[in-house]
């Protein structure tokens, strides 16, 4: 709606709707890229499985239908997919050192997903489990997991919390 109102004084209503259809299309293309990145994480040395994953992810009927309509579904799906790619990276390579910015970006992406739609809230247990699983090794595992959880959930709350507090 804000983009519609922003473009309406400058373009005819029909042109505005056609212009706004570009955003879901870009989200659909981004989701295909995210499927590819997820496949590369899960199947690092198997090109054939990566191609199959991209084919299945790119040609899902619901994905094709939603990428053509103006709504918040494609954006919520795209941002949720990005969050899942972050979680997969944590689960598959838990020993890899991650900078704080990795967890900040997780919180930002999750917060933006929650601003587009409330259903990404259902990813909370999976995000928490991925962070805990990635932080379980080492002498200070509990402290590291707690700090990472606080960072992701805190940034998510900063990004999207204002909207829910305002509506409450």
C-alpha atoms as a PDB file:
ATOM      1  CA  UNK A   1       0.000   0.000   0.000  1.00  0.00           C
ATOM      2  CA  UNK A   2       2.742   2.576   0.758  1.00  0.00           C
ATOM      3  CA  UNK A   3       4.405   1.906  -2.609  1.00  0.00           C
ATOM      4  CA  UNK A   4       1.026   2.209  -4.332  1.00  0.00           C
ATOM      5  CA  UNK A   5       0.337   5.553  -2.676  1.00  0.00           C
ATOM      6  CA  UNK A   6       3.846   6.726  -3.503  1.00  0.00           C
ATOM      7  CA  UNK A   7       3.511   5.918  -7.210  1.00  0.00           C
ATOM      8  CA  UNK A   8      -0.151   6.921  -7.687  1.00  0.00           C
ATOM      9  CA  UNK A   9       0.407  10.691  -8.080  1.00  0.00           C
ATOM     10  CA  UNK A  10       2.989  10.052 -10.806  1.00  0.00           C
ATOM     11  CA  UNK A  11       1.433   7.200 -12.795  1.00  0.00           C
ATOM     12  CA  UNK A  12      -1.994   5.987 -13.891  1.00  0.00           C
ATOM     13  CA  UNK A  13      -3.578   3.392 -11.562  1.00  0.00           C
ATOM     14  CA  UNK A  14      -3.212   0.577 -14.115  1.00  0.00           C
ATOM     15  CA  UNK A  15       0.460   1.382 -14.648  1.00  0.00           C
ATOM     16  CA  UNK A  16       1.027   1.479 -10.874  1.00  0.00           C
ATOM     17  CA  UNK A  17      -0.376  -2.051 -10.498  1.00  0.00           C
ATOM     18  CA  UNK A  18       1.782  -3.318 -13.366  1.00  0.00           C
ATOM     19  CA  UNK A  19       4.817  -1.635 -11.840  1.00  0.00           C
ATOM     20  CA  UNK A  20       4.105  -3.146  -8.434  1.00  0.00           C
ATOM     21  CA  UNK A  21       4.032  -6.624  -9.996  1.00  0.00           C
ATOM     22  CA  UNK A  22       7.793  -6.344 -10.412  1.00  0.00           C
ATOM     23  CA  UNK A  23       8.388  -6.681  -6.647  1.00  0.00           C
ATOM     24  CA  UNK A  24       6.770 -10.154  -6.303  1.00  0.00           C
ATOM     25  CA  UNK A  25       8.605 -11.230  -9.454  1.00  0.00           C
ATOM     26  CA  UNK A  26      11.921 -10.127  -7.929  1.00  0.00           C
ATOM     27  CA  UNK A  27      11.018 -11.973  -4.720  1.00  0.00           C
ATOM     28  CA  UNK A  28      10.322 -15.093  -6.771  1.00  0.00           C
ATOM     29  CA  UNK A  29      13.688 -14.818  -8.487  1.00  0.00           C
ATOM     30  CA  UNK A  30      15.367 -14.257  -5.129  1.00  0.00           C
ATOM     31  CA  UNK A  31      13.697 -17.396  -3.776  1.00  0.00           C
ATOM     32  CA  UNK A  32      15.160 -19.425  -6.625  1.00  0.00           C
ATOM     33  CA  UNK A  33      18.575 -18.021  -5.705  1.00  0.00           C
ATOM     34  CA  UNK A  34      17.955 -18.898  -2.048  1.00  0.00           C
ATOM     35  CA  UNK A  35      16.989 -22.453  -3.005  1.00  0.00           C
ATOM     36  CA  UNK A  36      20.275 -22.668  -4.893  1.00  0.00           C
ATOM     37  CA  UNK A  37      22.227 -21.368  -1.886  1.00  0.00           C
ATOM     38  CA  UNK A  38      20.455 -23.800   0.432  1.00  0.00           C
ATOM     39  CA  UNK A  39      21.224 -26.678  -1.936  1.00  0.00           C
ATOM     40  CA  UNK A  40      24.886 -25.642  -2.051  1.00  0.00           C
ATOM     41  CA  UNK A  41      24.993 -25.670   1.746  1.00  0.00           C
ATOM     42  CA  UNK A  42      23.251 -29.026   2.134  1.00  0.00           C
ATOM     43  CA  UNK A  43      24.835 -30.752  -0.903  1.00  0.00           C
ATOM     44  CA  UNK A  44      28.254 -29.065  -1.194  1.00  0.00           C
ATOM     45  CA  UNK A  45      29.892 -31.487  -3.647  1.00  0.00           C
ATOM     46  CA  UNK A  46      26.854 -32.849  -5.491  1.00  0.00           C
ATOM     47  CA  UNK A  47      26.066 -30.733  -8.527  1.00  0.00           C
ATOM     48  CA  UNK A  48      23.285 -33.045  -9.674  1.00  0.00           C
ATOM     49  CA  UNK A  49      21.360 -32.695  -6.394  1.00  0.00           C
ATOM     50  CA  UNK A  50      21.851 -28.930  -6.442  1.00  0.00           C
ATOM     51  CA  UNK A  51      20.321 -28.776  -9.933  1.00  0.00           C
ATOM     52  CA  UNK A  52      17.393 -30.960  -8.916  1.00  0.00           C
ATOM     53  CA  UNK A  53      16.769 -28.765  -5.854  1.00  0.00           C
ATOM     54  CA  UNK A  54      16.777 -25.631  -8.019  1.00  0.00           C
ATOM     55  CA  UNK A  55      14.436 -27.247 -10.514  1.00  0.00           C
ATOM     56  CA  UNK A  56      11.974 -28.311  -7.831  1.00  0.00           C
ATOM     57  CA  UNK A  57      12.234 -25.001  -5.951  1.00  0.00           C
ATOM     58  CA  UNK A  58      11.875 -22.881  -9.059  1.00  0.00           C
ATOM     59  CA  UNK A  59       8.972 -24.752 -10.609  1.00  0.00           C
ATOM     60  CA  UNK A  60       6.696 -25.234  -7.605  1.00  0.00           C
ATOM     61  CA  UNK A  61       3.166 -24.285  -8.708  1.00  0.00           C
ATOM     62  CA  UNK A  62       2.448 -22.159  -5.649  1.00  0.00           C
ATOM     63  CA  UNK A  63       5.723 -20.306  -6.143  1.00  0.00           C
ATOM     64  CA  UNK A  64       4.890 -19.542  -9.769  1.00  0.00           C
ATOM     65  CA  UNK A  65       1.364 -18.348  -8.909  1.00  0.00           C
ATOM     66  CA  UNK A  66       2.384 -16.135  -5.990  1.00  0.00           C
ATOM     67  CA  UNK A  67       5.207 -14.488  -7.911  1.00  0.00           C
ATOM     68  CA  UNK A  68       2.678 -12.945 -10.284  1.00  0.00           C
ATOM     69  CA  UNK A  69       0.296 -11.331  -7.800  1.00  0.00           C
ATOM     70  CA  UNK A  70       0.723  -8.160  -5.807  1.00  0.00           C
ATOM     71  CA  UNK A  71       0.647  -9.221  -2.165  1.00  0.00           C
ATOM     72  CA  UNK A  72       2.881  -9.585   0.870  1.00  0.00           C
ATOM     73  CA  UNK A  73       3.174 -13.380   0.484  1.00  0.00           C
ATOM     74  CA  UNK A  74       6.171 -13.364  -1.895  1.00  0.00           C
ATOM     75  CA  UNK A  75       8.111 -10.966   0.334  1.00  0.00           C
ATOM     76  CA  UNK A  76       7.334 -12.981   3.467  1.00  0.00           C
ATOM     77  CA  UNK A  77       8.336 -16.183   1.681  1.00  0.00           C
ATOM     78  CA  UNK A  78      11.535 -14.653   0.358  1.00  0.00           C
ATOM     79  CA  UNK A  79      12.636 -13.296   3.732  1.00  0.00           C
ATOM     80  CA  UNK A  80      11.652 -16.526   5.507  1.00  0.00           C
ATOM     81  CA  UNK A  81      13.675 -18.476   2.948  1.00  0.00           C
ATOM     82  CA  UNK A  82      16.670 -16.246   3.639  1.00  0.00           C
ATOM     83  CA  UNK A  83      16.302 -16.941   7.360  1.00  0.00           C
ATOM     84  CA  UNK A  84      16.170 -20.676   6.671  1.00  0.00           C
ATOM     85  CA  UNK A  85      19.376 -20.409   4.614  1.00  0.00           C
ATOM     86  CA  UNK A  86      21.033 -18.696   7.601  1.00  0.00           C
ATOM     87  CA  UNK A  87      19.862 -21.546   9.857  1.00  0.00           C
ATOM     88  CA  UNK A  88      21.067 -24.209   7.419  1.00  0.00           C
ATOM     89  CA  UNK A  89      24.491 -22.595   7.326  1.00  0.00           C
ATOM     90  CA  UNK A  90      24.625 -22.802  11.126  1.00  0.00           C
ATOM     91  CA  UNK A  91      23.504 -26.425  11.262  1.00  0.00           C
ATOM     92  CA  UNK A  92      25.705 -27.773   8.456  1.00  0.00           C
ATOM     93  CA  UNK A  93      28.885 -25.959   9.523  1.00  0.00           C
ATOM     94  CA  UNK A  94      28.556 -25.488  13.291  1.00  0.00           C
ATOM     95  CA  UNK A  95      32.317 -25.295  13.915  1.00  0.00           C
ATOM     96  CA  UNK A  96      32.840 -22.436  11.461  1.00  0.00           C
ATOM     97  CA  UNK A  97      33.412 -19.195  13.368  1.00  0.00           C
ATOM     98  CA  UNK A  98      30.654 -16.663  12.759  1.00  0.00           C
ATOM     99  CA  UNK A  99      31.031 -12.933  13.264  1.00  0.00           C
ATOM    100  CA  UNK A 100      28.435 -11.067  15.282  1.00  0.00           C
ATOM    101  CA  UNK A 101      27.205  -9.452  12.084  1.00  0.00           C
ATOM    102  CA  UNK A 102      25.988 -12.881  10.896  1.00  0.00           C
ATOM    103  CA  UNK A 103      23.566 -13.036  13.837  1.00  0.00           C
ATOM    104  CA  UNK A 104      22.633  -9.372  13.487  1.00  0.00           C
ATOM    105  CA  UNK A 105      21.662 -10.022   9.851  1.00  0.00           C
ATOM    106  CA  UNK A 106      19.658 -13.062  10.946  1.00  0.00           C
ATOM    107  CA  UNK A 107      17.684 -10.831  13.297  1.00  0.00           C
ATOM    108  CA  UNK A 108      17.211  -8.123  10.656  1.00  0.00           C
ATOM    109  CA  UNK A 109      15.944 -10.605   8.052  1.00  0.00           C
ATOM    110  CA  UNK A 110      13.625 -12.239  10.559  1.00  0.00           C
ATOM    111  CA  UNK A 111      12.309  -8.865  11.741  1.00  0.00           C
ATOM    112  CA  UNK A 112      11.590  -7.776   8.169  1.00  0.00           C
ATOM    113  CA  UNK A 113       9.850 -11.087   7.519  1.00  0.00           C
ATOM    114  CA  UNK A 114       7.661 -10.470  10.569  1.00  0.00           C
ATOM    115  CA  UNK A 115       6.815  -6.990   9.311  1.00  0.00           C
ATOM    116  CA  UNK A 116       5.599  -8.484   6.042  1.00  0.00           C
ATOM    117  CA  UNK A 117       3.496 -11.206   7.674  1.00  0.00           C
ATOM    118  CA  UNK A 118       3.140 -12.799  11.130  1.00  0.00           C
ATOM    119  CA  UNK A 119       3.668 -16.425  10.036  1.00  0.00           C
ATOM    120  CA  UNK A 120       7.514 -16.232  10.162  1.00  0.00           C
ATOM    121  CA  UNK A 121       7.041 -16.176  13.930  1.00  0.00           C
ATOM    122  CA  UNK A 122       6.544 -19.939  13.593  1.00  0.00           C
ATOM    123  CA  UNK A 123      10.241 -20.195  12.697  1.00  0.00           C
ATOM    124  CA  UNK A 124      11.267 -19.183  16.254  1.00  0.00           C
ATOM    125  CA  UNK A 125      11.848 -22.735  17.562  1.00  0.00           C
ATOM    126  CA  UNK A 126      13.876 -23.637  14.478  1.00  0.00           C
ATOM    127  CA  UNK A 127      15.990 -20.480  14.698  1.00  0.00           C
ATOM    128  CA  UNK A 128      16.635 -21.134  18.390  1.00  0.00           C
ATOM    129  CA  UNK A 129      17.480 -24.792  17.742  1.00  0.00           C
ATOM    130  CA  UNK A 130      19.909 -23.903  14.933  1.00  0.00           C
ATOM    131  CA  UNK A 131      21.693 -21.356  17.107  1.00  0.00           C
ATOM    132  CA  UNK A 132      21.915 -23.729  20.071  1.00  0.00           C
ATOM    133  CA  UNK A 133      23.155 -26.589  17.876  1.00  0.00           C
ATOM    134  CA  UNK A 134      25.839 -24.368  16.344  1.00  0.00           C
ATOM    135  CA  UNK A 135      26.966 -23.116  19.768  1.00  0.00           C
ATOM    136  CA  UNK A 136      27.105 -26.405  21.691  1.00  0.00           C
ATOM    137  CA  UNK A 137      30.860 -27.085  21.347  1.00  0.00           C
ATOM    138  CA  UNK A 138      33.482 -25.496  23.522  1.00  0.00           C
ATOM    139  CA  UNK A 139      33.926 -24.574  27.149  1.00  0.00           C
ATOM    140  CA  UNK A 140      31.625 -21.543  27.089  1.00  0.00           C
ATOM    141  CA  UNK A 141      28.890 -23.090  24.929  1.00  0.00           C
ATOM    142  CA  UNK A 142      25.987 -22.006  27.120  1.00  0.00           C
ATOM    143  CA  UNK A 143      27.147 -18.388  27.325  1.00  0.00           C
ATOM    144  CA  UNK A 144      27.818 -18.236  23.571  1.00  0.00           C
ATOM    145  CA  UNK A 145      24.405 -19.732  22.730  1.00  0.00           C
ATOM    146  CA  UNK A 146      22.656 -17.353  25.102  1.00  0.00           C
ATOM    147  CA  UNK A 147      24.450 -14.351  23.616  1.00  0.00           C
ATOM    148  CA  UNK A 148      23.692 -15.382  20.041  1.00  0.00           C
ATOM    149  CA  UNK A 149      20.040 -16.061  20.859  1.00  0.00           C
ATOM    150  CA  UNK A 150      19.764 -12.701  22.589  1.00  0.00           C
ATOM    151  CA  UNK A 151      21.363 -10.955  19.622  1.00  0.00           C
ATOM    152  CA  UNK A 152      19.099 -12.555  16.997  1.00  0.00           C
ATOM    153  CA  UNK A 153      15.891 -12.221  18.997  1.00  0.00           C
ATOM    154  CA  UNK A 154      16.819  -8.726  20.203  1.00  0.00           C
ATOM    155  CA  UNK A 155      17.560  -7.388  16.723  1.00  0.00           C
ATOM    156  CA  UNK A 156      14.372  -9.014  15.449  1.00  0.00           C
ATOM    157  CA  UNK A 157      12.451  -7.270  18.223  1.00  0.00           C
ATOM    158  CA  UNK A 158      14.100  -3.935  17.374  1.00  0.00           C
ATOM    159  CA  UNK A 159      13.233  -4.281  13.693  1.00  0.00           C
ATOM    160  CA  UNK A 160       9.643  -5.467  14.030  1.00  0.00           C
ATOM    161  CA  UNK A 161       8.626  -4.954  17.645  1.00  0.00           C
ATOM    162  CA  UNK A 162       7.523  -1.350  17.173  1.00  0.00           C
ATOM    163  CA  UNK A 163       4.763  -2.471  14.818  1.00  0.00           C
ATOM    164  CA  UNK A 164       3.317  -5.033  17.211  1.00  0.00           C
ATOM    165  CA  UNK A 165       3.587  -2.739  20.237  1.00  0.00           C
ATOM    166  CA  UNK A 166       1.866   0.043  18.270  1.00  0.00           C
ATOM    167  CA  UNK A 167      -1.002  -2.249  17.307  1.00  0.00           C
ATOM    168  CA  UNK A 168      -1.309  -3.639  20.812  1.00  0.00           C
END
